[in-house]
PDB file of N, CA and C in Angstrom:
ATOM      1  N   MET A   1       0.856  -1.171   0.000  1.00  0.00           N
ATOM      2  CA  MET A   1       0.000   0.000   0.000  1.00  0.00           C
ATOM      3  C   MET A   1       0.901   1.232   0.000  1.00  0.00           C
ATOM      4  N   GLU A   2       0.557   2.226  -0.747  1.00  0.00           N
ATOM      5  CA  GLU A   2       1.336   3.450  -0.817  1.00  0.00           C
ATOM      6  C   GLU A   2       0.725   4.511   0.094  1.00  0.00           C
ATOM      7  N   LEU A   3       1.529   5.487   0.477  1.00  0.00           N
ATOM      8  CA  LEU A   3       1.055   6.546   1.361  1.00  0.00           C
ATOM      9  C   LEU A   3      -0.168   7.253   0.810  1.00  0.00           C
ATOM     10  N   GLU A   4      -0.273   7.365  -0.499  1.00  0.00           N
ATOM     11  CA  GLU A   4      -1.405   8.057  -1.096  1.00  0.00           C
ATOM     12  C   GLU A   4      -2.729   7.331  -0.841  1.00  0.00           C
ATOM     13  N   SER A   5      -2.648   6.083  -0.369  1.00  0.00           N
ATOM     14  CA  SER A   5      -3.850   5.288  -0.150  1.00  0.00           C
ATOM     15  C   SER A   5      -4.517   5.563   1.193  1.00  0.00           C
ATOM     16  N   ILE A   6      -3.872   6.328   2.058  1.00  0.00           N
ATOM     17  CA  ILE A   6      -4.447   6.617   3.368  1.00  0.00           C
ATOM     18  C   ILE A   6      -5.541   7.670   3.213  1.00  0.00           C
ATOM     19  N   LEU A   7      -6.665   7.422   3.852  1.00  0.00           N
ATOM     20  CA  LEU A   7      -7.741   8.408   3.866  1.00  0.00           C
ATOM     21  C   LEU A   7      -7.543   9.325   5.066  1.00  0.00           C
ATOM     22  N   ASP A   8      -7.642  10.610   4.856  1.00  0.00           N
ATOM     23  CA  ASP A   8      -7.473  11.601   5.911  1.00  0.00           C
ATOM     24  C   ASP A   8      -8.791  11.742   6.667  1.00  0.00           C
ATOM     25  N   PRO A   9      -8.830  11.387   7.969  1.00  0.00           N
ATOM     26  CA  PRO A   9     -10.094  11.439   8.709  1.00  0.00           C
ATOM     27  C   PRO A   9     -10.629  12.854   8.914  1.00  0.00           C
ATOM     28  N   THR A  10      -9.816  13.869   8.684  1.00  0.00           N
ATOM     29  CA  THR A  10     -10.290  15.245   8.837  1.00  0.00           C
ATOM     30  C   THR A  10     -11.013  15.730   7.594  1.00  0.00           C
ATOM     31  N   GLY A  11     -10.906  14.991   6.506  1.00  0.00           N
ATOM     32  CA  GLY A  11     -11.574  15.380   5.272  1.00  0.00           C
ATOM     33  C   GLY A  11     -10.794  16.391   4.461  1.00  0.00           C
ATOM     34  N   VAL A  12      -9.609  16.785   4.917  1.00  0.00           N
ATOM     35  CA  VAL A  12      -8.799  17.756   4.211  1.00  0.00           C
ATOM     36  C   VAL A  12      -7.863  17.002   3.278  1.00  0.00           C
ATOM     37  N   THR A  13      -8.335  16.725   2.076  1.00  0.00           N
ATOM     38  CA  THR A  13      -7.549  15.979   1.110  1.00  0.00           C
ATOM     39  C   THR A  13      -8.130  16.169  -0.282  1.00  0.00           C
ATOM     40  N   ASP A  14      -7.322  15.949  -1.284  1.00  0.00           N
ATOM     41  CA  ASP A  14      -7.808  16.023  -2.659  1.00  0.00           C
ATOM     42  C   ASP A  14      -8.755  14.874  -2.977  1.00  0.00           C
ATOM     43  N   ALA A  15      -8.618  13.769  -2.254  1.00  0.00           N
ATOM     44  CA  ALA A  15      -9.435  12.589  -2.519  1.00  0.00           C
ATOM     45  C   ALA A  15     -10.619  12.492  -1.560  1.00  0.00           C
ATOM     46  N   ALA A  16     -11.141  13.631  -1.100  1.00  0.00           N
ATOM     47  CA  ALA A  16     -12.228  13.624  -0.115  1.00  0.00           C
ATOM     48  C   ALA A  16     -13.461  12.882  -0.613  1.00  0.00           C
ATOM     49  N   SER A  17     -13.673  12.796  -1.918  1.00  0.00           N
ATOM     50  CA  SER A  17     -14.852  12.113  -2.437  1.00  0.00           C
ATOM     51  C   SER A  17     -14.621  10.610  -2.580  1.00  0.00           C
ATOM     52  N   ASP A  18     -13.397  10.133  -2.395  1.00  0.00           N
ATOM     53  CA  ASP A  18     -13.091   8.705  -2.499  1.00  0.00           C
ATOM     54  C   ASP A  18     -13.486   8.024  -1.190  1.00  0.00           C
ATOM     55  N   THR A  19     -14.513   7.184  -1.238  1.00  0.00           N
ATOM     56  CA  THR A  19     -14.986   6.501  -0.034  1.00  0.00           C
ATOM     57  C   THR A  19     -14.702   5.008  -0.084  1.00  0.00           C
ATOM     58  N   SER A  20     -13.793   4.579  -0.941  1.00  0.00           N
ATOM     59  CA  SER A  20     -13.486   3.161  -1.033  1.00  0.00           C
ATOM     60  C   SER A  20     -12.749   2.695   0.227  1.00  0.00           C
ATOM     61  N   LEU A  21     -12.977   1.448   0.585  1.00  0.00           N
ATOM     62  CA  LEU A  21     -12.343   0.863   1.766  1.00  0.00           C
ATOM     63  C   LEU A  21     -11.069   0.135   1.367  1.00  0.00           C
ATOM     64  N   ALA A  22     -10.155   0.042   2.300  1.00  0.00           N
ATOM     65  CA  ALA A  22      -8.937  -0.726   2.060  1.00  0.00           C
ATOM     66  C   ALA A  22      -9.294  -2.203   1.956  1.00  0.00           C
ATOM     67  N   PRO A  23      -8.558  -2.959   1.167  1.00  0.00           N
ATOM     68  CA  PRO A  23      -8.820  -4.396   1.080  1.00  0.00           C
ATOM     69  C   PRO A  23      -8.629  -5.060   2.445  1.00  0.00           C
ATOM     70  N   ARG A  24      -9.464  -6.028   2.752  1.00  0.00           N
ATOM     71  CA  ARG A  24      -9.404  -6.719   4.044  1.00  0.00           C
ATOM     72  C   ARG A  24      -8.493  -7.936   3.944  1.00  0.00           C
ATOM     73  N   LEU A  25      -7.835  -8.254   5.054  1.00  0.00           N
ATOM     74  CA  LEU A  25      -7.012  -9.454   5.123  1.00  0.00           C
ATOM     75  C   LEU A  25      -7.911 -10.677   5.209  1.00  0.00           C
ATOM     76  N   GLY A  26      -7.502 -11.767   4.589  1.00  0.00           N
ATOM     77  CA  GLY A  26      -8.270 -13.007   4.682  1.00  0.00           C
ATOM     78  C   GLY A  26      -8.128 -13.660   6.044  1.00  0.00           C
ATOM     79  N   THR A  27      -6.970 -13.460   6.680  1.00  0.00           N
ATOM     80  CA  THR A  27      -6.684 -14.035   7.989  1.00  0.00           C
ATOM     81  C   THR A  27      -5.681 -13.145   8.717  1.00  0.00           C
ATOM     82  N   LEU A  28      -5.680 -13.231  10.029  1.00  0.00           N
ATOM     83  CA  LEU A  28      -4.692 -12.525  10.828  1.00  0.00           C
ATOM     84  C   LEU A  28      -3.512 -13.430  11.184  1.00  0.00           C
ATOM     85  N   ARG A  29      -3.705 -14.738  10.983  1.00  0.00           N
ATOM     86  CA  ARG A  29      -2.673 -15.716  11.330  1.00  0.00           C
ATOM     87  C   ARG A  29      -1.387 -15.426  10.565  1.00  0.00           C
ATOM     88  N   GLY A  30      -0.275 -15.308  11.330  1.00  0.00           N
ATOM     89  CA  GLY A  30       1.024 -15.092  10.731  1.00  0.00           C
ATOM     90  C   GLY A  30       1.305 -13.657  10.312  1.00  0.00           C
ATOM     91  N   LYS A  31       0.382 -12.752  10.568  1.00  0.00           N
ATOM     92  CA  LYS A  31       0.538 -11.349  10.167  1.00  0.00           C
ATOM     93  C   LYS A  31       1.224 -10.541  11.260  1.00  0.00           C
ATOM     94  N   THR A  32       1.757  -9.391  10.857  1.00  0.00           N
ATOM     95  CA  THR A  32       2.376  -8.456  11.793  1.00  0.00           C
ATOM     96  C   THR A  32       1.447  -7.264  11.985  1.00  0.00           C
ATOM     97  N   LEU A  33       1.161  -6.959  13.236  1.00  0.00           N
ATOM     98  CA  LEU A  33       0.243  -5.888  13.616  1.00  0.00           C
ATOM     99  C   LEU A  33       1.022  -4.658  14.078  1.00  0.00           C
ATOM    100  N   ALA A  34       0.631  -3.486  13.608  1.00  0.00           N
ATOM    101  CA  ALA A  34       1.154  -2.218  14.116  1.00  0.00           C
ATOM    102  C   ALA A  34       0.127  -1.631  15.068  1.00  0.00           C
ATOM    103  N   LEU A  35       0.572  -1.232  16.239  1.00  0.00           N
ATOM    104  CA  LEU A  35      -0.276  -0.522  17.185  1.00  0.00           C
ATOM    105  C   LEU A  35       0.226   0.916  17.242  1.00  0.00           C
ATOM    106  N   LEU A  36      -0.658   1.871  16.995  1.00  0.00           N
ATOM    107  CA  LEU A  36      -0.273   3.282  16.991  1.00  0.00           C
ATOM    108  C   LEU A  36      -0.945   3.988  18.158  1.00  0.00           C
ATOM    109  N   ASP A  37      -0.150   4.322  19.162  1.00  0.00           N
ATOM    110  CA  ASP A  37      -0.613   5.000  20.371  1.00  0.00           C
ATOM    111  C   ASP A  37      -0.512   6.509  20.159  1.00  0.00           C
ATOM    112  N   ASN A  38      -1.558   7.247  20.519  1.00  0.00           N
ATOM    113  CA  ASN A  38      -1.515   8.696  20.332  1.00  0.00           C
ATOM    114  C   ASN A  38      -0.763   9.408  21.448  1.00  0.00           C
ATOM    115  N   GLY A  39      -0.338   8.684  22.480  1.00  0.00           N
ATOM    116  CA  GLY A  39       0.459   9.269  23.544  1.00  0.00           C
ATOM    117  C   GLY A  39      -0.322   9.727  24.762  1.00  0.00           C
ATOM    118  N   LYS A  40      -1.642   9.648  24.722  1.00  0.00           N
ATOM    119  CA  LYS A  40      -2.434  10.022  25.897  1.00  0.00           C
ATOM    120  C   LYS A  40      -2.459   8.862  26.892  1.00  0.00           C
ATOM    121  N   PRO A  41      -2.756   9.160  28.163  1.00  0.00           N
ATOM    122  CA  PRO A  41      -2.809   8.104  29.174  1.00  0.00           C
ATOM    123  C   PRO A  41      -3.788   6.990  28.798  1.00  0.00           C
ATOM    124  N   ASN A  42      -3.388   5.772  29.048  1.00  0.00           N
ATOM    125  CA  ASN A  42      -4.183   4.554  28.869  1.00  0.00           C
ATOM    126  C   ASN A  42      -4.319   4.076  27.430  1.00  0.00           C
ATOM    127  N   GLY A  43      -3.885   4.852  26.453  1.00  0.00           N
ATOM    128  CA  GLY A  43      -3.947   4.397  25.058  1.00  0.00           C
ATOM    129  C   GLY A  43      -3.089   3.167  24.838  1.00  0.00           C
ATOM    130  N   ALA A  44      -1.873   3.186  25.365  1.00  0.00           N
ATOM    131  CA  ALA A  44      -0.962   2.053  25.198  1.00  0.00           C
ATOM    132  C   ALA A  44      -1.507   0.806  25.894  1.00  0.00           C
ATOM    133  N   ALA A  45      -2.115   0.977  27.070  1.00  0.00           N
ATOM    134  CA  ALA A  45      -2.674  -0.175  27.791  1.00  0.00           C
ATOM    135  C   ALA A  45      -3.768  -0.845  26.958  1.00  0.00           C
ATOM    136  N   LEU A  46      -4.646  -0.050  26.371  1.00  0.00           N
ATOM    137  CA  LEU A  46      -5.714  -0.587  25.524  1.00  0.00           C
ATOM    138  C   LEU A  46      -5.128  -1.306  24.311  1.00  0.00           C
ATOM    139  N   LEU A  47      -4.175  -0.676  23.654  1.00  0.00           N
ATOM    140  CA  LEU A  47      -3.572  -1.276  22.465  1.00  0.00           C
ATOM    141  C   LEU A  47      -2.808  -2.550  22.795  1.00  0.00           C
ATOM    142  N   ASN A  48      -2.068  -2.550  23.901  1.00  0.00           N
ATOM    143  CA  ASN A  48      -1.345  -3.762  24.292  1.00  0.00           C
ATOM    144  C   ASN A  48      -2.295  -4.932  24.521  1.00  0.00           C
ATOM    145  N   GLU A  49      -3.452  -4.655  25.089  1.00  0.00           N
ATOM    146  CA  GLU A  49      -4.442  -5.715  25.301  1.00  0.00           C
ATOM    147  C   GLU A  49      -4.982  -6.225  23.969  1.00  0.00           C
ATOM    148  N   PHE A  50      -5.260  -5.324  23.023  1.00  0.00           N
ATOM    149  CA  PHE A  50      -5.672  -5.753  21.683  1.00  0.00           C
ATOM    150  C   PHE A  50      -4.616  -6.673  21.082  1.00  0.00           C
ATOM    151  N   GLY A  51      -3.362  -6.260  21.163  1.00  0.00           N
ATOM    152  CA  GLY A  51      -2.284  -7.068  20.604  1.00  0.00           C
ATOM    153  C   GLY A  51      -2.205  -8.439  21.242  1.00  0.00           C
ATOM    154  N   ARG A  52      -2.313  -8.491  22.565  1.00  0.00           N
ATOM    155  CA  ARG A  52      -2.268  -9.774  23.274  1.00  0.00           C
ATOM    156  C   ARG A  52      -3.387 -10.698  22.834  1.00  0.00           C
ATOM    157  N   VAL A  53      -4.600 -10.167  22.770  1.00  0.00           N
ATOM    158  CA  VAL A  53      -5.756 -10.979  22.396  1.00  0.00           C
ATOM    159  C   VAL A  53      -5.648 -11.454  20.941  1.00  0.00           C
ATOM    160  N   LEU A  54      -5.201 -10.581  20.051  1.00  0.00           N
ATOM    161  CA  LEU A  54      -5.081 -10.975  18.640  1.00  0.00           C
ATOM    162  C   LEU A  54      -4.000 -12.038  18.449  1.00  0.00           C
ATOM    163  N   LYS A  55      -2.930 -11.980  19.213  1.00  0.00           N
ATOM    164  CA  LYS A  55      -1.907 -13.034  19.145  1.00  0.00           C
ATOM    165  C   LYS A  55      -2.472 -14.353  19.682  1.00  0.00           C
ATOM    166  N   GLU A  56      -3.125 -14.266  20.827  1.00  0.00           N
ATOM    167  CA  GLU A  56      -3.642 -15.457  21.496  1.00  0.00           C
ATOM    168  C   GLU A  56      -4.777 -16.131  20.723  1.00  0.00           C
ATOM    169  N   ARG A  57      -5.719 -15.357  20.257  1.00  0.00           N
ATOM    170  CA  ARG A  57      -6.935 -15.924  19.647  1.00  0.00           C
ATOM    171  C   ARG A  57      -6.910 -16.028  18.124  1.00  0.00           C
ATOM    172  N   HIS A  58      -6.072 -15.210  17.479  1.00  0.00           N
ATOM    173  CA  HIS A  58      -6.131 -15.167  16.015  1.00  0.00           C
ATOM    174  C   HIS A  58      -4.793 -15.417  15.331  1.00  0.00           C
ATOM    175  N   GLY A  59      -3.781 -15.786  16.095  1.00  0.00           N
ATOM    176  CA  GLY A  59      -2.513 -16.191  15.516  1.00  0.00           C
ATOM    177  C   GLY A  59      -1.664 -15.088  14.930  1.00  0.00           C
ATOM    178  N   VAL A  60      -1.872 -13.831  15.372  1.00  0.00           N
ATOM    179  CA  VAL A  60      -1.001 -12.745  14.918  1.00  0.00           C
ATOM    180  C   VAL A  60       0.427 -13.103  15.323  1.00  0.00           C
ATOM    181  N   LYS A  61       1.366 -12.969  14.380  1.00  0.00           N
ATOM    182  CA  LYS A  61       2.755 -13.376  14.617  1.00  0.00           C
ATOM    183  C   LYS A  61       3.516 -12.371  15.464  1.00  0.00           C
ATOM    184  N   ASP A  62       3.509 -11.107  15.050  1.00  0.00           N
ATOM    185  CA  ASP A  62       4.265 -10.064  15.736  1.00  0.00           C
ATOM    186  C   ASP A  62       3.396  -8.837  15.959  1.00  0.00           C
ATOM    187  N   VAL A  63       3.708  -8.114  17.021  1.00  0.00           N
ATOM    188  CA  VAL A  63       3.020  -6.862  17.334  1.00  0.00           C
ATOM    189  C   VAL A  63       4.091  -5.794  17.549  1.00  0.00           C
ATOM    190  N   LEU A  64       4.035  -4.716  16.772  1.00  0.00           N
ATOM    191  CA  LEU A  64       4.971  -3.606  16.903  1.00  0.00           C
ATOM    192  C   LEU A  64       4.226  -2.375  17.393  1.00  0.00           C
ATOM    193  N   MET A  65       4.755  -1.736  18.431  1.00  0.00           N
ATOM    194  CA  MET A  65       4.122  -0.537  18.993  1.00  0.00           C
ATOM    195  C   MET A  65       4.805   0.711  18.455  1.00  0.00           C
ATOM    196  N   PHE A  66       3.993   1.656  18.010  1.00  0.00           N
ATOM    197  CA  PHE A  66       4.456   2.963  17.560  1.00  0.00           C
ATOM    198  C   PHE A  66       3.739   4.004  18.408  1.00  0.00           C
ATOM    199  N   THR A  67       4.443   5.074  18.788  1.00  0.00           N
ATOM    200  CA  THR A  67       3.846   6.119  19.613  1.00  0.00           C
ATOM    201  C   THR A  67       4.104   7.480  18.986  1.00  0.00           C
ATOM    202  N   LYS A  68       3.047   8.263  18.854  1.00  0.00           N
ATOM    203  CA  LYS A  68       3.219   9.629  18.368  1.00  0.00           C
ATOM    204  C   LYS A  68       3.929  10.450  19.437  1.00  0.00           C
ATOM    205  N   PRO A  69       4.814  11.380  19.033  1.00  0.00           N
ATOM    206  CA  PRO A  69       5.516  12.184  20.031  1.00  0.00           C
ATOM    207  C   PRO A  69       4.588  13.123  20.806  1.00  0.00           C
ATOM    208  N   TYR A  70       3.500  13.545  20.180  1.00  0.00           N
ATOM    209  CA  TYR A  70       2.535  14.434  20.837  1.00  0.00           C
ATOM    210  C   TYR A  70       1.160  14.145  20.254  1.00  0.00           C
ATOM    211  N   PHE A  71       0.157  13.982  21.116  1.00  0.00           N
ATOM    212  CA  PHE A  71      -1.172  13.576  20.662  1.00  0.00           C
ATOM    213  C   PHE A  71      -1.846  14.588  19.745  1.00  0.00           C
ATOM    214  N   GLY A  72      -1.445  15.845  19.826  1.00  0.00           N
ATOM    215  CA  GLY A  72      -2.112  16.886  19.050  1.00  0.00           C
ATOM    216  C   GLY A  72      -1.580  17.080  17.646  1.00  0.00           C
ATOM    217  N   THR A  73      -0.629  16.251  17.247  1.00  0.00           N
ATOM    218  CA  THR A  73      -0.066  16.375  15.906  1.00  0.00           C
ATOM    219  C   THR A  73      -0.333  15.109  15.110  1.00  0.00           C
ATOM    220  N   PRO A  74      -0.301  15.214  13.791  1.00  0.00           N
ATOM    221  CA  PRO A  74      -0.475  14.004  12.962  1.00  0.00           C
ATOM    222  C   PRO A  74       0.698  13.040  13.151  1.00  0.00           C
ATOM    223  N   VAL A  75       0.469  11.803  12.801  1.00  0.00           N
ATOM    224  CA  VAL A  75       1.546  10.819  12.854  1.00  0.00           C
ATOM    225  C   VAL A  75       2.654  11.244  11.886  1.00  0.00           C
ATOM    226  N   GLU A  76       3.889  11.046  12.296  1.00  0.00           N
ATOM    227  CA  GLU A  76       5.017  11.451  11.467  1.00  0.00           C
ATOM    228  C   GLU A  76       5.117  10.542  10.239  1.00  0.00           C
ATOM    229  N   PRO A  77       5.410  11.108   9.082  1.00  0.00           N
ATOM    230  CA  PRO A  77       5.515  10.299   7.859  1.00  0.00           C
ATOM    231  C   PRO A  77       6.517   9.152   7.973  1.00  0.00           C
ATOM    232  N   THR A  78       7.583   9.323   8.742  1.00  0.00           N
ATOM    233  CA  THR A  78       8.544   8.236   8.897  1.00  0.00           C
ATOM    234  C   THR A  78       7.926   7.058   9.643  1.00  0.00           C
ATOM    235  N   GLN A  79       7.061   7.345  10.616  1.00  0.00           N
ATOM    236  CA  GLN A  79       6.359   6.266  11.316  1.00  0.00           C
ATOM    237  C   GLN A  79       5.382   5.576  10.379  1.00  0.00           C
ATOM    238  N   THR A  80       4.647   6.356   9.622  1.00  0.00           N
ATOM    239  CA  THR A  80       3.690   5.779   8.674  1.00  0.00           C
ATOM    240  C   THR A  80       4.411   4.878   7.690  1.00  0.00           C
ATOM    241  N   GLN A  81       5.530   5.323   7.194  1.00  0.00           N
ATOM    242  CA  GLN A  81       6.293   4.528   6.232  1.00  0.00           C
ATOM    243  C   GLN A  81       6.762   3.223   6.856  1.00  0.00           C
ATOM    244  N   ARG A  82       7.240   3.276   8.087  1.00  0.00           N
ATOM    245  CA  ARG A  82       7.662   2.044   8.780  1.00  0.00           C
ATOM    246  C   ARG A  82       6.499   1.082   8.951  1.00  0.00           C
ATOM    247  N   ILE A  83       5.329   1.612   9.291  1.00  0.00           N
ATOM    248  CA  ILE A  83       4.149   0.757   9.448  1.00  0.00           C
ATOM    249  C   ILE A  83       3.838   0.069   8.128  1.00  0.00           C
ATOM    250  N   PHE A  84       3.855   0.812   7.029  1.00  0.00           N
ATOM    251  CA  PHE A  84       3.590   0.228   5.709  1.00  0.00           C
ATOM    252  C   PHE A  84       4.612  -0.840   5.340  1.00  0.00           C
ATOM    253  N   GLU A  85       5.868  -0.585   5.661  1.00  0.00           N
ATOM    254  CA  GLU A  85       6.937  -1.500   5.262  1.00  0.00           C
ATOM    255  C   GLU A  85       7.030  -2.740   6.144  1.00  0.00           C
ATOM    256  N   GLU A  86       6.719  -2.618   7.436  1.00  0.00           N
ATOM    257  CA  GLU A  86       6.972  -3.696   8.380  1.00  0.00           C
ATOM    258  C   GLU A  86       5.724  -4.431   8.858  1.00  0.00           C
ATOM    259  N   CYS A  87       4.539  -3.888   8.592  1.00  0.00           N
ATOM    260  CA  CYS A  87       3.315  -4.457   9.174  1.00  0.00           C
ATOM    261  C   CYS A  87       2.278  -4.763   8.099  1.00  0.00           C
ATOM    262  N   ASP A  88       1.400  -5.704   8.437  1.00  0.00           N
ATOM    263  CA  ASP A  88       0.323  -6.083   7.524  1.00  0.00           C
ATOM    264  C   ASP A  88      -0.965  -5.316   7.781  1.00  0.00           C
ATOM    265  N   PHE A  89      -1.151  -4.883   9.023  1.00  0.00           N
ATOM    266  CA  PHE A  89      -2.332  -4.097   9.363  1.00  0.00           C
ATOM    267  C   PHE A  89      -2.052  -3.301  10.629  1.00  0.00           C
ATOM    268  N   ALA A  90      -2.919  -2.331  10.917  1.00  0.00           N
ATOM    269  CA  ALA A  90      -2.672  -1.432  12.046  1.00  0.00           C
ATOM    270  C   ALA A  90      -3.957  -1.151  12.807  1.00  0.00           C
ATOM    271  N   ILE A  91      -3.771  -0.874  14.089  1.00  0.00           N
ATOM    272  CA  ILE A  91      -4.858  -0.430  14.958  1.00  0.00           C
ATOM    273  C   ILE A  91      -4.336   0.803  15.684  1.00  0.00           C
ATOM    274  N   THR A  92      -5.166   1.810  15.794  1.00  0.00           N
ATOM    275  CA  THR A  92      -4.810   3.002  16.555  1.00  0.00           C
ATOM    276  C   THR A  92      -5.871   3.236  17.629  1.00  0.00           C
ATOM    277  N   ALA A  93      -5.461   3.903  18.695  1.00  0.00           N
ATOM    278  CA  ALA A  93      -6.394   4.175  19.791  1.00  0.00           C
ATOM    279  C   ALA A  93      -6.083   5.509  20.415  1.00  0.00           C
ATOM    280  N   ILE A  94      -7.082   6.078  21.042  1.00  0.00           N
ATOM    281  CA  ILE A  94      -6.956   7.339  21.738  1.00  0.00           C
ATOM    282  C   ILE A  94      -7.136   7.066  23.221  1.00  0.00           C
ATOM    283  N   GLY A  95      -6.176   7.505  24.020  1.00  0.00           N
ATOM    284  CA  GLY A  95      -6.277   7.298  25.457  1.00  0.00           C
ATOM    285  C   GLY A  95      -7.019   8.443  26.147  1.00  0.00           C
ATOM    286  N   ASP A  96      -7.071   8.374  27.445  1.00  0.00           N
ATOM    287  CA  ASP A  96      -7.621   9.332  28.394  1.00  0.00           C
ATOM    288  C   ASP A  96      -8.713   8.759  29.208  1.00  0.00           C
TER     289      ASP A  96
END
């Protein structure tokens, strides 16, 4: 997947009219999961539990945690690129 494929949740994008969904994985078994924490309290705890359950119940192979440096800013492009290169799917959460 290329960076241009990400939909901006704020609606500020040239592709605002594109409502297509990303292709779904057939299985989670053997896949690598990216967890993206926004840096607020309890976000990491929630994400770690998701990762544990997905490994235990659905055979996820690896779980990589990524954390934004500050919750009020967008994810850094270098982090996004690493997620695309190293992971098969991602989950993000907001703490507090």
